[in-house]
Amino acid sequence: ICIETLYPGLSHGENQLRWGFIRKVYGILAAQILLTTVVSAVTVLYAPVNELLRGSPGLLLFL
């Protein structure tokens, strides 16, 4: 079985640890992007929230 390593001289355990870390980081980034998209969509598409933010610039700045 050929196991792909990030760079030569890396043991199998270290390789798995690094790939796990990379997966975790990309998972966190994906969750943040998804949350940002949902919050943005709610503020733009849901009329009561949109009107609240337009009427209160301080709240918009806080968000």
N, C-alpha and C. Protein backbone atom coordinates (compact mmCIF):
# COMPACT_ATOMS: atom_id res chain seq x y z
N ILE A 1 0.85 -1.18 0.00
CA ILE A 1 0.00 0.00 0.00
C ILE A 1 0.89 1.23 0.00
N CYS A 2 0.64 2.14 -0.92
CA CYS A 2 1.40 3.38 -1.01
C CYS A 2 0.63 4.47 -0.28
N ILE A 3 1.26 5.05 0.72
CA ILE A 3 0.62 6.11 1.50
C ILE A 3 1.26 7.44 1.13
N GLU A 4 0.43 8.39 0.74
CA GLU A 4 0.93 9.70 0.34
C GLU A 4 1.30 10.50 1.59
N THR A 5 2.51 11.03 1.60
CA THR A 5 2.93 11.87 2.72
C THR A 5 3.02 13.32 2.26
N LEU A 6 3.01 14.21 3.24
CA LEU A 6 3.12 15.63 2.90
C LEU A 6 4.52 15.99 2.45
N TYR A 7 5.53 15.37 3.06
CA TYR A 7 6.90 15.55 2.63
C TYR A 7 7.71 14.34 3.06
N PRO A 8 8.83 14.05 2.40
CA PRO A 8 9.63 12.86 2.70
C PRO A 8 10.14 12.88 4.14
N GLY A 9 10.24 11.70 4.73
CA GLY A 9 10.75 11.57 6.09
C GLY A 9 9.68 11.67 7.15
N LEU A 10 8.45 11.81 6.77
CA LEU A 10 7.35 11.93 7.71
C LEU A 10 6.81 10.55 8.02
N SER A 11 6.68 10.22 9.29
CA SER A 11 6.17 8.90 9.66
C SER A 11 4.66 8.83 9.40
N HIS A 12 4.13 7.60 9.37
CA HIS A 12 2.71 7.39 9.07
C HIS A 12 1.83 8.06 10.13
N GLY A 13 2.20 7.95 11.40
CA GLY A 13 1.40 8.56 12.47
C GLY A 13 1.39 10.07 12.38
N GLU A 14 2.55 10.66 12.10
CA GLU A 14 2.62 12.11 11.96
C GLU A 14 1.82 12.57 10.75
N ASN A 15 1.86 11.76 9.70
CA ASN A 15 1.11 12.09 8.49
C ASN A 15 -0.39 12.11 8.79
N GLN A 16 -0.88 11.10 9.50
CA GLN A 16 -2.30 11.06 9.84
C GLN A 16 -2.68 12.24 10.73
N LEU A 17 -1.80 12.59 11.66
CA LEU A 17 -2.06 13.72 12.55
C LEU A 17 -2.15 15.02 11.76
N ARG A 18 -1.25 15.21 10.82
CA ARG A 18 -1.27 16.43 10.00
C ARG A 18 -2.52 16.49 9.13
N TRP A 19 -2.88 15.37 8.50
CA TRP A 19 -4.08 15.38 7.66
C TRP A 19 -5.32 15.62 8.51
N GLY A 20 -5.35 15.07 9.72
CA GLY A 20 -6.47 15.32 10.62
C GLY A 20 -6.59 16.80 10.97
N PHE A 21 -5.45 17.43 11.24
CA PHE A 21 -5.43 18.86 11.54
C PHE A 21 -5.93 19.67 10.35
N ILE A 22 -5.47 19.32 9.16
CA ILE A 22 -5.89 20.04 7.95
C ILE A 22 -7.39 19.89 7.75
N ARG A 23 -7.93 18.68 7.96
CA ARG A 23 -9.37 18.47 7.83
C ARG A 23 -10.13 19.32 8.85
N LYS A 24 -9.62 19.38 10.08
CA LYS A 24 -10.29 20.16 11.12
C LYS A 24 -10.30 21.64 10.75
N VAL A 25 -9.19 22.16 10.29
CA VAL A 25 -9.10 23.58 9.92
C VAL A 25 -10.07 23.89 8.79
N TYR A 26 -10.09 23.05 7.76
CA TYR A 26 -11.01 23.30 6.64
C TYR A 26 -12.46 23.12 7.07
N GLY A 27 -12.73 22.23 8.01
CA GLY A 27 -14.08 22.08 8.53
C GLY A 27 -14.54 23.33 9.26
N ILE A 28 -13.65 23.91 10.07
CA ILE A 28 -13.98 25.15 10.78
C ILE A 28 -14.20 26.28 9.79
N LEU A 29 -13.35 26.39 8.79
CA LEU A 29 -13.52 27.44 7.77
C LEU A 29 -14.85 27.28 7.03
N ALA A 30 -15.19 26.05 6.68
CA ALA A 30 -16.46 25.81 5.98
C ALA A 30 -17.64 26.19 6.85
N ALA A 31 -17.58 25.87 8.15
CA ALA A 31 -18.66 26.22 9.07
C ALA A 31 -18.79 27.74 9.19
N GLN A 32 -17.68 28.44 9.27
CA GLN A 32 -17.72 29.90 9.37
C GLN A 32 -18.30 30.53 8.10
N ILE A 33 -17.91 30.02 6.95
CA ILE A 33 -18.45 30.55 5.69
C ILE A 33 -19.94 30.27 5.59
N LEU A 34 -20.37 29.09 6.00
CA LEU A 34 -21.79 28.75 5.98
C LEU A 34 -22.58 29.66 6.92
N LEU A 35 -22.07 29.88 8.14
CA LEU A 35 -22.75 30.75 9.09
C LEU A 35 -22.83 32.18 8.56
N THR A 36 -21.76 32.67 7.98
CA THR A 36 -21.75 34.02 7.41
C THR A 36 -22.78 34.14 6.29
N THR A 37 -22.87 33.12 5.46
CA THR A 37 -23.84 33.12 4.36
C THR A 37 -25.27 33.13 4.88
N VAL A 38 -25.55 32.33 5.90
CA VAL A 38 -26.90 32.26 6.46
C VAL A 38 -27.28 33.60 7.10
N VAL A 39 -26.38 34.16 7.90
CA VAL A 39 -26.68 35.44 8.56
C VAL A 39 -26.88 36.54 7.52
N SER A 40 -26.04 36.55 6.50
CA SER A 40 -26.18 37.56 5.44
C SER A 40 -27.51 37.40 4.70
N ALA A 41 -27.87 36.17 4.40
CA ALA A 41 -29.13 35.92 3.70
C ALA A 41 -30.32 36.37 4.54
N VAL A 42 -30.28 36.10 5.84
CA VAL A 42 -31.39 36.51 6.71
C VAL A 42 -31.50 38.03 6.75
N THR A 43 -30.38 38.72 6.87
CA THR A 43 -30.44 40.18 6.96
C THR A 43 -30.88 40.82 5.65
N VAL A 44 -30.60 40.19 4.54
CA VAL A 44 -30.97 40.77 3.25
C VAL A 44 -32.39 40.37 2.84
N LEU A 45 -32.76 39.13 3.06
CA LEU A 45 -34.02 38.61 2.52
C LEU A 45 -35.22 38.71 3.47
N TYR A 46 -34.99 38.76 4.77
CA TYR A 46 -36.09 38.80 5.74
C TYR A 46 -36.41 40.26 6.04
N ALA A 47 -37.57 40.72 5.57
CA ALA A 47 -37.92 42.14 5.60
C ALA A 47 -37.86 42.77 7.00
N PRO A 48 -38.43 42.16 8.05
CA PRO A 48 -38.37 42.82 9.37
C PRO A 48 -36.94 43.04 9.86
N VAL A 49 -36.06 42.10 9.64
CA VAL A 49 -34.67 42.26 10.06
C VAL A 49 -34.00 43.34 9.21
N ASN A 50 -34.28 43.33 7.93
CA ASN A 50 -33.71 44.33 7.03
C ASN A 50 -34.13 45.74 7.45
N GLU A 51 -35.41 45.93 7.76
CA GLU A 51 -35.91 47.24 8.17
C GLU A 51 -35.31 47.65 9.51
N LEU A 52 -35.16 46.72 10.42
CA LEU A 52 -34.56 47.02 11.72
C LEU A 52 -33.13 47.52 11.55
N LEU A 53 -32.38 46.86 10.70
CA LEU A 53 -30.99 47.25 10.49
C LEU A 53 -30.88 48.59 9.75
N ARG A 54 -31.82 48.85 8.85
CA ARG A 54 -31.79 50.14 8.13
C ARG A 54 -32.16 51.30 9.06
N GLY A 55 -33.02 51.04 10.03
CA GLY A 55 -33.46 52.09 10.95
C GLY A 55 -32.49 52.32 12.09
N SER A 56 -31.54 51.44 12.29
CA SER A 56 -30.64 51.55 13.42
C SER A 56 -29.20 51.32 12.96
N PRO A 57 -28.52 52.38 12.52
CA PRO A 57 -27.15 52.23 12.01
C PRO A 57 -26.17 51.70 13.05
N GLY A 58 -26.41 52.01 14.33
CA GLY A 58 -25.53 51.52 15.39
C GLY A 58 -25.56 50.01 15.48
N LEU A 59 -26.74 49.43 15.36
CA LEU A 59 -26.87 47.97 15.39
C LEU A 59 -26.20 47.34 14.18
N LEU A 60 -26.36 47.97 13.03
CA LEU A 60 -25.72 47.47 11.82
C LEU A 60 -24.20 47.51 11.97
N LEU A 61 -23.69 48.57 12.56
CA LEU A 61 -22.25 48.69 12.78
C LEU A 61 -21.77 47.63 13.78
N PHE A 62 -22.59 47.35 14.79
CA PHE A 62 -22.24 46.34 15.79
C PHE A 62 -22.14 44.96 15.17
N LEU A 63 -23.04 44.66 14.23
CA LEU A 63 -23.02 43.35 13.59
C LEU A 63 -21.87 43.29 12.62
